[in-house]
């Protein structure tokens, strides 16, 4: 078996801070034994409560987040809009590359319903509509970037509400920052509830339909608290999620991935829970 590059070995030994903001206190030193590698080129596993990064590979390397950036959009929405507020979908919201929840122009949707659409089925149409409700594309991006800075995700730059991207206009974040964002998102009870739900009812042309959470860890990993998937050709596969075992909570982040990220995520969580505090 070829030896791992020195940079990988050093990054696997990394202990860093996944803080809630720039003023976060220094956490205790985490475990430094070798964590399981996998198909993601950048990843990390961290303690949700102390902020300690237990292990990582390129955890501060910036790359496109794909739809995991919708977690940042969701927090921004709840900072500015009442969950019970509603608006009607317009044709422009549906003119987007899917994945989509299937908005119907003229149909009314609440903020809560649209949040379920972006977090459970990664609806780009719903992300566009929420962006408009925040004041339009530019206002939404400005507010998302301000939110990222306020929670301590200082290397994050959102350029679209949905995470859709292309050369020269991709959003950027790092595994460390995405963990910070997800940690902050779970402090919003509504977001934690949505991301943990296996399904939800959503308005349709004929009444209501059931949408199902795309996060497979909810079924495959005992103690899963929720998560968000992503994929674009530029970003590859991305994932952020959290799980709890006893009184300990961990967050796992994977970027620039391919193949089965879930198996690596579960292995990293198992490894993390086995480490001493």
C-alpha atoms as a PDB file:
ATOM      1  CA  UNK A   1       0.000   0.000   0.000  1.00  0.00           C
ATOM      2  CA  UNK A   2       1.544   3.415  -0.945  1.00  0.00           C
ATOM      3  CA  UNK A   3       2.343   5.765   1.876  1.00  0.00           C
ATOM      4  CA  UNK A   4      -0.046   8.674   2.383  1.00  0.00           C
ATOM      5  CA  UNK A   5       1.333  12.098   1.369  1.00  0.00           C
ATOM      6  CA  UNK A   6       2.817  14.105   4.209  1.00  0.00           C
ATOM      7  CA  UNK A   7       0.116  16.780   3.855  1.00  0.00           C
ATOM      8  CA  UNK A   8      -2.595  14.184   4.414  1.00  0.00           C
ATOM      9  CA  UNK A   9      -0.845  12.779   7.485  1.00  0.00           C
ATOM     10  CA  UNK A  10      -0.408  16.259   8.926  1.00  0.00           C
ATOM     11  CA  UNK A  11      -4.021  17.170   8.265  1.00  0.00           C
ATOM     12  CA  UNK A  12      -5.237  13.973   9.896  1.00  0.00           C
ATOM     13  CA  UNK A  13      -3.351  15.018  13.002  1.00  0.00           C
ATOM     14  CA  UNK A  14      -4.899  18.462  12.985  1.00  0.00           C
ATOM     15  CA  UNK A  15      -6.644  19.732  16.068  1.00  0.00           C
ATOM     16  CA  UNK A  16      -8.453  23.009  15.442  1.00  0.00           C
ATOM     17  CA  UNK A  17     -11.382  25.004  16.716  1.00  0.00           C
ATOM     18  CA  UNK A  18     -14.870  24.782  15.250  1.00  0.00           C
ATOM     19  CA  UNK A  19     -16.056  27.859  17.096  1.00  0.00           C
ATOM     20  CA  UNK A  20     -19.389  29.579  17.150  1.00  0.00           C
ATOM     21  CA  UNK A  21     -17.639  32.858  16.312  1.00  0.00           C
ATOM     22  CA  UNK A  22     -14.338  34.691  16.373  1.00  0.00           C
ATOM     23  CA  UNK A  23     -14.491  35.132  20.153  1.00  0.00           C
ATOM     24  CA  UNK A  24     -14.968  31.419  20.923  1.00  0.00           C
ATOM     25  CA  UNK A  25     -12.795  30.131  23.750  1.00  0.00           C
ATOM     26  CA  UNK A  26     -10.034  27.666  22.910  1.00  0.00           C
ATOM     27  CA  UNK A  27     -11.379  24.100  23.214  1.00  0.00           C
ATOM     28  CA  UNK A  28      -9.642  21.179  24.834  1.00  0.00           C
ATOM     29  CA  UNK A  29      -7.209  19.209  22.705  1.00  0.00           C
ATOM     30  CA  UNK A  30      -8.914  16.483  20.672  1.00  0.00           C
ATOM     31  CA  UNK A  31      -7.869  13.003  19.702  1.00  0.00           C
ATOM     32  CA  UNK A  32      -5.060  12.628  17.185  1.00  0.00           C
ATOM     33  CA  UNK A  33      -5.185   8.962  16.211  1.00  0.00           C
ATOM     34  CA  UNK A  34      -5.737   8.288  12.519  1.00  0.00           C
ATOM     35  CA  UNK A  35      -9.335   8.635  11.363  1.00  0.00           C
ATOM     36  CA  UNK A  36     -10.761   6.640   8.434  1.00  0.00           C
ATOM     37  CA  UNK A  37     -10.136   8.295   5.070  1.00  0.00           C
ATOM     38  CA  UNK A  38     -12.526   7.975   2.157  1.00  0.00           C
ATOM     39  CA  UNK A  39     -13.734   9.330  -1.177  1.00  0.00           C
ATOM     40  CA  UNK A  40     -14.075  12.972  -0.046  1.00  0.00           C
ATOM     41  CA  UNK A  41     -10.955  15.001  -0.836  1.00  0.00           C
ATOM     42  CA  UNK A  42     -11.666  17.361   2.082  1.00  0.00           C
ATOM     43  CA  UNK A  43     -13.391  16.323   5.295  1.00  0.00           C
ATOM     44  CA  UNK A  44     -13.506  16.676   9.048  1.00  0.00           C
ATOM     45  CA  UNK A  45     -15.236  15.302  12.126  1.00  0.00           C
ATOM     46  CA  UNK A  46     -15.701  17.605  15.107  1.00  0.00           C
ATOM     47  CA  UNK A  47     -17.320  17.775  18.513  1.00  0.00           C
ATOM     48  CA  UNK A  48     -20.550  19.754  18.229  1.00  0.00           C
ATOM     49  CA  UNK A  49     -20.440  21.155  21.743  1.00  0.00           C
ATOM     50  CA  UNK A  50     -16.783  21.956  22.389  1.00  0.00           C
ATOM     51  CA  UNK A  51     -15.897  22.877  18.826  1.00  0.00           C
ATOM     52  CA  UNK A  52     -12.862  20.598  18.751  1.00  0.00           C
ATOM     53  CA  UNK A  53     -11.946  19.215  15.327  1.00  0.00           C
ATOM     54  CA  UNK A  54     -11.053  15.624  16.114  1.00  0.00           C
ATOM     55  CA  UNK A  55      -9.583  14.896  12.689  1.00  0.00           C
ATOM     56  CA  UNK A  56      -9.616  16.309   9.209  1.00  0.00           C
ATOM     57  CA  UNK A  57      -8.169  16.199   5.728  1.00  0.00           C
ATOM     58  CA  UNK A  58      -7.753  19.647   4.174  1.00  0.00           C
ATOM     59  CA  UNK A  59     -10.304  21.086   6.646  1.00  0.00           C
ATOM     60  CA  UNK A  60      -9.486  24.691   5.729  1.00  0.00           C
ATOM     61  CA  UNK A  61      -9.321  24.175   1.950  1.00  0.00           C
ATOM     62  CA  UNK A  62     -12.002  26.193   0.141  1.00  0.00           C
ATOM     63  CA  UNK A  63     -14.178  24.602  -2.517  1.00  0.00           C
ATOM     64  CA  UNK A  64     -17.729  24.780  -3.835  1.00  0.00           C
ATOM     65  CA  UNK A  65     -20.360  23.609  -1.308  1.00  0.00           C
ATOM     66  CA  UNK A  66     -23.200  22.832  -3.733  1.00  0.00           C
ATOM     67  CA  UNK A  67     -26.551  22.563  -1.916  1.00  0.00           C
ATOM     68  CA  UNK A  68     -25.050  22.381   1.575  1.00  0.00           C
ATOM     69  CA  UNK A  69     -25.014  26.209   1.363  1.00  0.00           C
ATOM     70  CA  UNK A  70     -28.807  26.013   1.730  1.00  0.00           C
ATOM     71  CA  UNK A  71     -28.216  25.522   5.474  1.00  0.00           C
ATOM     72  CA  UNK A  72     -26.803  29.063   5.532  1.00  0.00           C
ATOM     73  CA  UNK A  73     -29.796  30.281   3.506  1.00  0.00           C
ATOM     74  CA  UNK A  74     -32.179  28.669   6.002  1.00  0.00           C
ATOM     75  CA  UNK A  75     -30.623  30.472   8.974  1.00  0.00           C
ATOM     76  CA  UNK A  76     -30.652  33.756   7.077  1.00  0.00           C
ATOM     77  CA  UNK A  77     -34.332  33.309   6.254  1.00  0.00           C
ATOM     78  CA  UNK A  78     -35.298  32.763   9.894  1.00  0.00           C
ATOM     79  CA  UNK A  79     -33.286  35.820  10.937  1.00  0.00           C
ATOM     80  CA  UNK A  80     -35.401  38.009   8.637  1.00  0.00           C
ATOM     81  CA  UNK A  81     -38.749  36.301   7.998  1.00  0.00           C
ATOM     82  CA  UNK A  82     -41.531  34.908  10.177  1.00  0.00           C
ATOM     83  CA  UNK A  83     -41.972  31.153   9.606  1.00  0.00           C
ATOM     84  CA  UNK A  84     -45.713  31.719   9.104  1.00  0.00           C
ATOM     85  CA  UNK A  85     -45.222  34.338   6.374  1.00  0.00           C
ATOM     86  CA  UNK A  86     -46.336  33.237   2.924  1.00  0.00           C
ATOM     87  CA  UNK A  87     -45.995  34.299  -0.684  1.00  0.00           C
ATOM     88  CA  UNK A  88     -47.091  32.992  -4.057  1.00  0.00           C
ATOM     89  CA  UNK A  89     -44.684  31.285  -6.402  1.00  0.00           C
ATOM     90  CA  UNK A  90     -43.933  33.000  -9.700  1.00  0.00           C
ATOM     91  CA  UNK A  91     -42.931  31.367 -12.990  1.00  0.00           C
ATOM     92  CA  UNK A  92     -39.407  32.760 -12.610  1.00  0.00           C
ATOM     93  CA  UNK A  93     -38.882  30.664  -9.475  1.00  0.00           C
ATOM     94  CA  UNK A  94     -39.359  27.455 -11.454  1.00  0.00           C
ATOM     95  CA  UNK A  95     -36.925  28.372 -14.244  1.00  0.00           C
ATOM     96  CA  UNK A  96     -33.957  26.758 -12.575  1.00  0.00           C
ATOM     97  CA  UNK A  97     -31.802  23.684 -12.924  1.00  0.00           C
ATOM     98  CA  UNK A  98     -33.244  21.011 -10.644  1.00  0.00           C
ATOM     99  CA  UNK A  99     -33.302  19.318  -8.086  1.00  0.00           C
ATOM    100  CA  UNK A 100     -36.674  20.950  -7.395  1.00  0.00           C
ATOM    101  CA  UNK A 101     -39.587  20.432  -5.049  1.00  0.00           C
ATOM    102  CA  UNK A 102     -42.055  21.321  -7.813  1.00  0.00           C
ATOM    103  CA  UNK A 103     -43.393  24.783  -7.020  1.00  0.00           C
ATOM    104  CA  UNK A 104     -46.623  25.657  -8.802  1.00  0.00           C
ATOM    105  CA  UNK A 105     -46.817  29.272 -10.049  1.00  0.00           C
ATOM    106  CA  UNK A 106     -49.633  31.060  -8.252  1.00  0.00           C
ATOM    107  CA  UNK A 107     -49.641  28.592  -5.338  1.00  0.00           C
ATOM    108  CA  UNK A 108     -49.076  30.059  -1.862  1.00  0.00           C
ATOM    109  CA  UNK A 109     -46.288  28.640   0.307  1.00  0.00           C
ATOM    110  CA  UNK A 110     -45.259  29.465   3.849  1.00  0.00           C
ATOM    111  CA  UNK A 111     -41.674  30.107   4.881  1.00  0.00           C
ATOM    112  CA  UNK A 112     -41.747  26.875   6.893  1.00  0.00           C
ATOM    113  CA  UNK A 113     -42.875  24.864   3.869  1.00  0.00           C
ATOM    114  CA  UNK A 114     -40.150  26.381   1.720  1.00  0.00           C
ATOM    115  CA  UNK A 115     -37.533  25.641   4.381  1.00  0.00           C
ATOM    116  CA  UNK A 116     -38.616  22.006   4.348  1.00  0.00           C
ATOM    117  CA  UNK A 117     -38.292  22.033   0.568  1.00  0.00           C
ATOM    118  CA  UNK A 118     -34.691  23.292   0.577  1.00  0.00           C
ATOM    119  CA  UNK A 119     -33.470  21.205   3.516  1.00  0.00           C
ATOM    120  CA  UNK A 120     -35.218  17.900   2.811  1.00  0.00           C
ATOM    121  CA  UNK A 121     -35.285  17.670  -0.999  1.00  0.00           C
ATOM    122  CA  UNK A 122     -32.833  20.455  -1.903  1.00  0.00           C
ATOM    123  CA  UNK A 123     -35.406  22.380  -3.927  1.00  0.00           C
ATOM    124  CA  UNK A 124     -33.616  24.983  -6.033  1.00  0.00           C
ATOM    125  CA  UNK A 125     -36.977  26.450  -6.993  1.00  0.00           C
ATOM    126  CA  UNK A 126     -37.794  26.951  -3.299  1.00  0.00           C
ATOM    127  CA  UNK A 127     -34.351  28.498  -2.715  1.00  0.00           C
ATOM    128  CA  UNK A 128     -35.038  31.000  -5.501  1.00  0.00           C
ATOM    129  CA  UNK A 129     -38.388  31.895  -3.955  1.00  0.00           C
ATOM    130  CA  UNK A 130     -36.869  32.371  -0.497  1.00  0.00           C
ATOM    131  CA  UNK A 131     -34.202  34.562  -2.071  1.00  0.00           C
ATOM    132  CA  UNK A 132     -36.928  36.784  -3.487  1.00  0.00           C
ATOM    133  CA  UNK A 133     -38.667  36.902  -0.106  1.00  0.00           C
ATOM    134  CA  UNK A 134     -35.387  38.140   1.390  1.00  0.00           C
ATOM    135  CA  UNK A 135     -35.422  41.073  -1.009  1.00  0.00           C
ATOM    136  CA  UNK A 136     -34.125  39.565  -4.225  1.00  0.00           C
ATOM    137  CA  UNK A 137     -31.007  37.755  -5.371  1.00  0.00           C
ATOM    138  CA  UNK A 138     -28.432  40.383  -4.392  1.00  0.00           C
ATOM    139  CA  UNK A 139     -30.039  41.141  -1.036  1.00  0.00           C
ATOM    140  CA  UNK A 140     -30.250  37.439  -0.212  1.00  0.00           C
ATOM    141  CA  UNK A 141     -26.575  36.860  -1.034  1.00  0.00           C
ATOM    142  CA  UNK A 142     -25.514  39.905   0.982  1.00  0.00           C
ATOM    143  CA  UNK A 143     -27.490  38.703   3.987  1.00  0.00           C
ATOM    144  CA  UNK A 144     -26.189  35.141   3.670  1.00  0.00           C
ATOM    145  CA  UNK A 145     -22.592  36.342   3.625  1.00  0.00           C
ATOM    146  CA  UNK A 146     -23.200  38.608   6.610  1.00  0.00           C
ATOM    147  CA  UNK A 147     -24.672  35.636   8.484  1.00  0.00           C
ATOM    148  CA  UNK A 148     -21.662  33.480   7.640  1.00  0.00           C
ATOM    149  CA  UNK A 149     -19.323  36.108   9.054  1.00  0.00           C
ATOM    150  CA  UNK A 150     -21.436  36.536  12.195  1.00  0.00           C
ATOM    151  CA  UNK A 151     -21.264  32.842  13.129  1.00  0.00           C
ATOM    152  CA  UNK A 152     -17.531  32.627  12.453  1.00  0.00           C
ATOM    153  CA  UNK A 153     -17.539  31.053   8.982  1.00  0.00           C
ATOM    154  CA  UNK A 154     -14.999  33.602   7.824  1.00  0.00           C
ATOM    155  CA  UNK A 155     -13.798  31.757   4.709  1.00  0.00           C
ATOM    156  CA  UNK A 156     -17.304  31.349   3.271  1.00  0.00           C
ATOM    157  CA  UNK A 157     -18.617  33.256   0.251  1.00  0.00           C
ATOM    158  CA  UNK A 158     -22.127  32.579  -1.037  1.00  0.00           C
ATOM    159  CA  UNK A 159     -22.853  33.559  -4.628  1.00  0.00           C
ATOM    160  CA  UNK A 160     -26.249  31.875  -5.034  1.00  0.00           C
ATOM    161  CA  UNK A 161     -29.050  31.028  -2.584  1.00  0.00           C
ATOM    162  CA  UNK A 162     -29.264  27.446  -3.870  1.00  0.00           C
ATOM    163  CA  UNK A 163     -25.605  26.480  -4.268  1.00  0.00           C
ATOM    164  CA  UNK A 164     -25.859  26.229  -8.048  1.00  0.00           C
ATOM    165  CA  UNK A 165     -22.526  27.231  -9.510  1.00  0.00           C
ATOM    166  CA  UNK A 166     -20.276  27.473 -12.514  1.00  0.00           C
ATOM    167  CA  UNK A 167     -16.729  28.528 -13.326  1.00  0.00           C
ATOM    168  CA  UNK A 168     -16.174  32.003 -11.915  1.00  0.00           C
ATOM    169  CA  UNK A 169     -19.404  32.224  -9.925  1.00  0.00           C
ATOM    170  CA  UNK A 170     -19.217  29.342  -7.493  1.00  0.00           C
ATOM    171  CA  UNK A 171     -19.895  29.761  -3.806  1.00  0.00           C
ATOM    172  CA  UNK A 172     -16.971  28.779  -1.584  1.00  0.00           C
ATOM    173  CA  UNK A 173     -16.624  27.364   1.906  1.00  0.00           C
ATOM    174  CA  UNK A 174     -14.375  24.972   3.836  1.00  0.00           C
ATOM    175  CA  UNK A 175     -15.118  21.859   5.880  1.00  0.00           C
ATOM    176  CA  UNK A 176     -14.304  23.859   9.001  1.00  0.00           C
ATOM    177  CA  UNK A 177     -16.690  26.673   8.025  1.00  0.00           C
ATOM    178  CA  UNK A 178     -19.452  24.310   6.951  1.00  0.00           C
ATOM    179  CA  UNK A 179     -19.229  22.648  10.346  1.00  0.00           C
ATOM    180  CA  UNK A 180     -19.515  26.060  12.009  1.00  0.00           C
ATOM    181  CA  UNK A 181     -22.583  26.853   9.896  1.00  0.00           C
ATOM    182  CA  UNK A 182     -24.259  23.536  10.656  1.00  0.00           C
ATOM    183  CA  UNK A 183     -23.496  23.844  14.346  1.00  0.00           C
ATOM    184  CA  UNK A 184     -25.197  27.256  14.347  1.00  0.00           C
ATOM    185  CA  UNK A 185     -28.153  25.943  12.327  1.00  0.00           C
ATOM    186  CA  UNK A 186     -28.948  23.237  14.874  1.00  0.00           C
ATOM    187  CA  UNK A 187     -29.446  25.984  17.464  1.00  0.00           C
ATOM    188  CA  UNK A 188     -32.596  26.986  15.518  1.00  0.00           C
ATOM    189  CA  UNK A 189     -35.295  24.599  16.803  1.00  0.00           C
ATOM    190  CA  UNK A 190     -37.305  24.767  13.571  1.00  0.00           C
ATOM    191  CA  UNK A 191     -34.299  23.902  11.414  1.00  0.00           C
ATOM    192  CA  UNK A 192     -33.278  21.070  13.730  1.00  0.00           C
ATOM    193  CA  UNK A 193     -36.841  19.720  13.557  1.00  0.00           C
ATOM    194  CA  UNK A 194     -37.012  19.899   9.755  1.00  0.00           C
ATOM    195  CA  UNK A 195     -33.630  18.256   9.186  1.00  0.00           C
ATOM    196  CA  UNK A 196     -34.465  15.412  11.578  1.00  0.00           C
ATOM    197  CA  UNK A 197     -37.851  14.669   9.993  1.00  0.00           C
ATOM    198  CA  UNK A 198     -38.048  11.720   7.572  1.00  0.00           C
ATOM    199  CA  UNK A 199     -40.841  13.353   5.570  1.00  0.00           C
ATOM    200  CA  UNK A 200     -43.216  16.314   5.403  1.00  0.00           C
ATOM    201  CA  UNK A 201     -46.436  17.349   3.721  1.00  0.00           C
ATOM    202  CA  UNK A 202     -46.057  19.929   0.971  1.00  0.00           C
ATOM    203  CA  UNK A 203     -48.655  21.813  -1.108  1.00  0.00           C
ATOM    204  CA  UNK A 204     -49.172  20.469  -4.606  1.00  0.00           C
ATOM    205  CA  UNK A 205     -51.303  21.286  -7.612  1.00  0.00           C
ATOM    206  CA  UNK A 206     -53.921  18.771  -6.437  1.00  0.00           C
ATOM    207  CA  UNK A 207     -53.733  19.370  -2.685  1.00  0.00           C
ATOM    208  CA  UNK A 208     -50.746  18.023  -0.760  1.00  0.00           C
ATOM    209  CA  UNK A 209     -47.927  15.586  -1.420  1.00  0.00           C
ATOM    210  CA  UNK A 210     -45.334  13.892   0.751  1.00  0.00           C
ATOM    211  CA  UNK A 211     -41.709  14.913   0.371  1.00  0.00           C
ATOM    212  CA  UNK A 212     -39.026  12.623   1.770  1.00  0.00           C
ATOM    213  CA  UNK A 213     -35.763  13.641   3.397  1.00  0.00           C
ATOM    214  CA  UNK A 214     -32.813  12.829   1.109  1.00  0.00           C
ATOM    215  CA  UNK A 215     -30.368  12.427   4.014  1.00  0.00           C
ATOM    216  CA  UNK A 216     -29.827   8.659   4.193  1.00  0.00           C
ATOM    217  CA  UNK A 217     -28.069   8.828   7.555  1.00  0.00           C
ATOM    218  CA  UNK A 218     -31.463   9.361   9.198  1.00  0.00           C
ATOM    219  CA  UNK A 219     -32.236   5.725   8.373  1.00  0.00           C
ATOM    220  CA  UNK A 220     -28.746   4.254   8.293  1.00  0.00           C
ATOM    221  CA  UNK A 221     -27.110   5.717  11.401  1.00  0.00           C
ATOM    222  CA  UNK A 222     -28.636   5.453  14.907  1.00  0.00           C
ATOM    223  CA  UNK A 223     -28.626   8.829  16.608  1.00  0.00           C
ATOM    224  CA  UNK A 224     -28.501  10.878  13.396  1.00  0.00           C
ATOM    225  CA  UNK A 225     -29.695  14.430  14.084  1.00  0.00           C
ATOM    226  CA  UNK A 226     -29.988  15.641  10.506  1.00  0.00           C
ATOM    227  CA  UNK A 227     -27.854  16.780   7.633  1.00  0.00           C
ATOM    228  CA  UNK A 228     -27.708  18.240   4.144  1.00  0.00           C
ATOM    229  CA  UNK A 229     -26.519  16.729   0.897  1.00  0.00           C
ATOM    230  CA  UNK A 230     -25.186  18.507  -2.163  1.00  0.00           C
ATOM    231  CA  UNK A 231     -23.916  17.888  -5.671  1.00  0.00           C
ATOM    232  CA  UNK A 232     -22.829  19.886  -8.688  1.00  0.00           C
ATOM    233  CA  UNK A 233     -20.341  18.971 -11.386  1.00  0.00           C
ATOM    234  CA  UNK A 234     -17.977  21.608 -10.019  1.00  0.00           C
ATOM    235  CA  UNK A 235     -18.363  20.744  -6.323  1.00  0.00           C
ATOM    236  CA  UNK A 236     -18.674  16.986  -6.608  1.00  0.00           C
ATOM    237  CA  UNK A 237     -20.627  15.366  -3.795  1.00  0.00           C
ATOM    238  CA  UNK A 238     -20.834  17.275  -0.514  1.00  0.00           C
ATOM    239  CA  UNK A 239     -22.351  16.451   2.848  1.00  0.00           C
ATOM    240  CA  UNK A 240     -22.732  17.882   6.338  1.00  0.00           C
ATOM    241  CA  UNK A 241     -24.521  16.072   9.157  1.00  0.00           C
ATOM    242  CA  UNK A 242     -24.562  15.429  12.870  1.00  0.00           C
ATOM    243  CA  UNK A 243     -25.281  12.561  15.232  1.00  0.00           C
ATOM    244  CA  UNK A 244     -25.613  12.005  18.972  1.00  0.00           C
ATOM    245  CA  UNK A 245     -24.482   9.109  21.124  1.00  0.00           C
ATOM    246  CA  UNK A 246     -25.235   9.427  24.816  1.00  0.00           C
ATOM    247  CA  UNK A 247     -24.549  13.028  25.755  1.00  0.00           C
ATOM    248  CA  UNK A 248     -22.000  13.579  22.981  1.00  0.00           C
ATOM    249  CA  UNK A 249     -22.746  15.159  19.607  1.00  0.00           C
ATOM    250  CA  UNK A 250     -20.480  15.140  16.553  1.00  0.00           C
ATOM    251  CA  UNK A 251     -20.628  16.881  13.179  1.00  0.00           C
ATOM    252  CA  UNK A 252     -19.099  15.463  10.006  1.00  0.00           C
ATOM    253  CA  UNK A 253     -18.360  17.405   6.812  1.00  0.00           C
ATOM    254  CA  UNK A 254     -17.291  16.070   3.409  1.00  0.00           C
ATOM    255  CA  UNK A 255     -16.435  18.082   0.289  1.00  0.00           C
ATOM    256  CA  UNK A 256     -15.154  17.343  -3.228  1.00  0.00           C
ATOM    257  CA  UNK A 257     -16.478  13.815  -2.898  1.00  0.00           C
ATOM    258  CA  UNK A 258     -17.502  10.966  -5.164  1.00  0.00           C
ATOM    259  CA  UNK A 259     -18.990   7.531  -4.678  1.00  0.00           C
ATOM    260  CA  UNK A 260     -20.560   6.609  -1.341  1.00  0.00           C
ATOM    261  CA  UNK A 261     -19.990   9.472   1.096  1.00  0.00           C
ATOM    262  CA  UNK A 262     -22.405   7.973   3.617  1.00  0.00           C
ATOM    263  CA  UNK A 263     -20.131   5.035   4.425  1.00  0.00           C
ATOM    264  CA  UNK A 264     -17.249   7.387   5.138  1.00  0.00           C
ATOM    265  CA  UNK A 265     -19.497   9.661   7.195  1.00  0.00           C
ATOM    266  CA  UNK A 266     -20.658   6.752   9.337  1.00  0.00           C
ATOM    267  CA  UNK A 267     -17.090   5.496   9.791  1.00  0.00           C
ATOM    268  CA  UNK A 268     -15.926   8.957  10.838  1.00  0.00           C
ATOM    269  CA  UNK A 269     -18.766   9.274  13.339  1.00  0.00           C
ATOM    270  CA  UNK A 270     -18.020   5.836  14.789  1.00  0.00           C
ATOM    271  CA  UNK A 271     -14.356   6.776  15.055  1.00  0.00           C
ATOM    272  CA  UNK A 272     -15.168  10.113  16.648  1.00  0.00           C
ATOM    273  CA  UNK A 273     -17.469   8.638  19.268  1.00  0.00           C
ATOM    274  CA  UNK A 274     -14.722   6.163  20.189  1.00  0.00           C
ATOM    275  CA  UNK A 275     -12.257   8.949  20.981  1.00  0.00           C
ATOM    276  CA  UNK A 276     -11.741  10.099  24.576  1.00  0.00           C
ATOM    277  CA  UNK A 277     -12.931  13.538  25.519  1.00  0.00           C
END
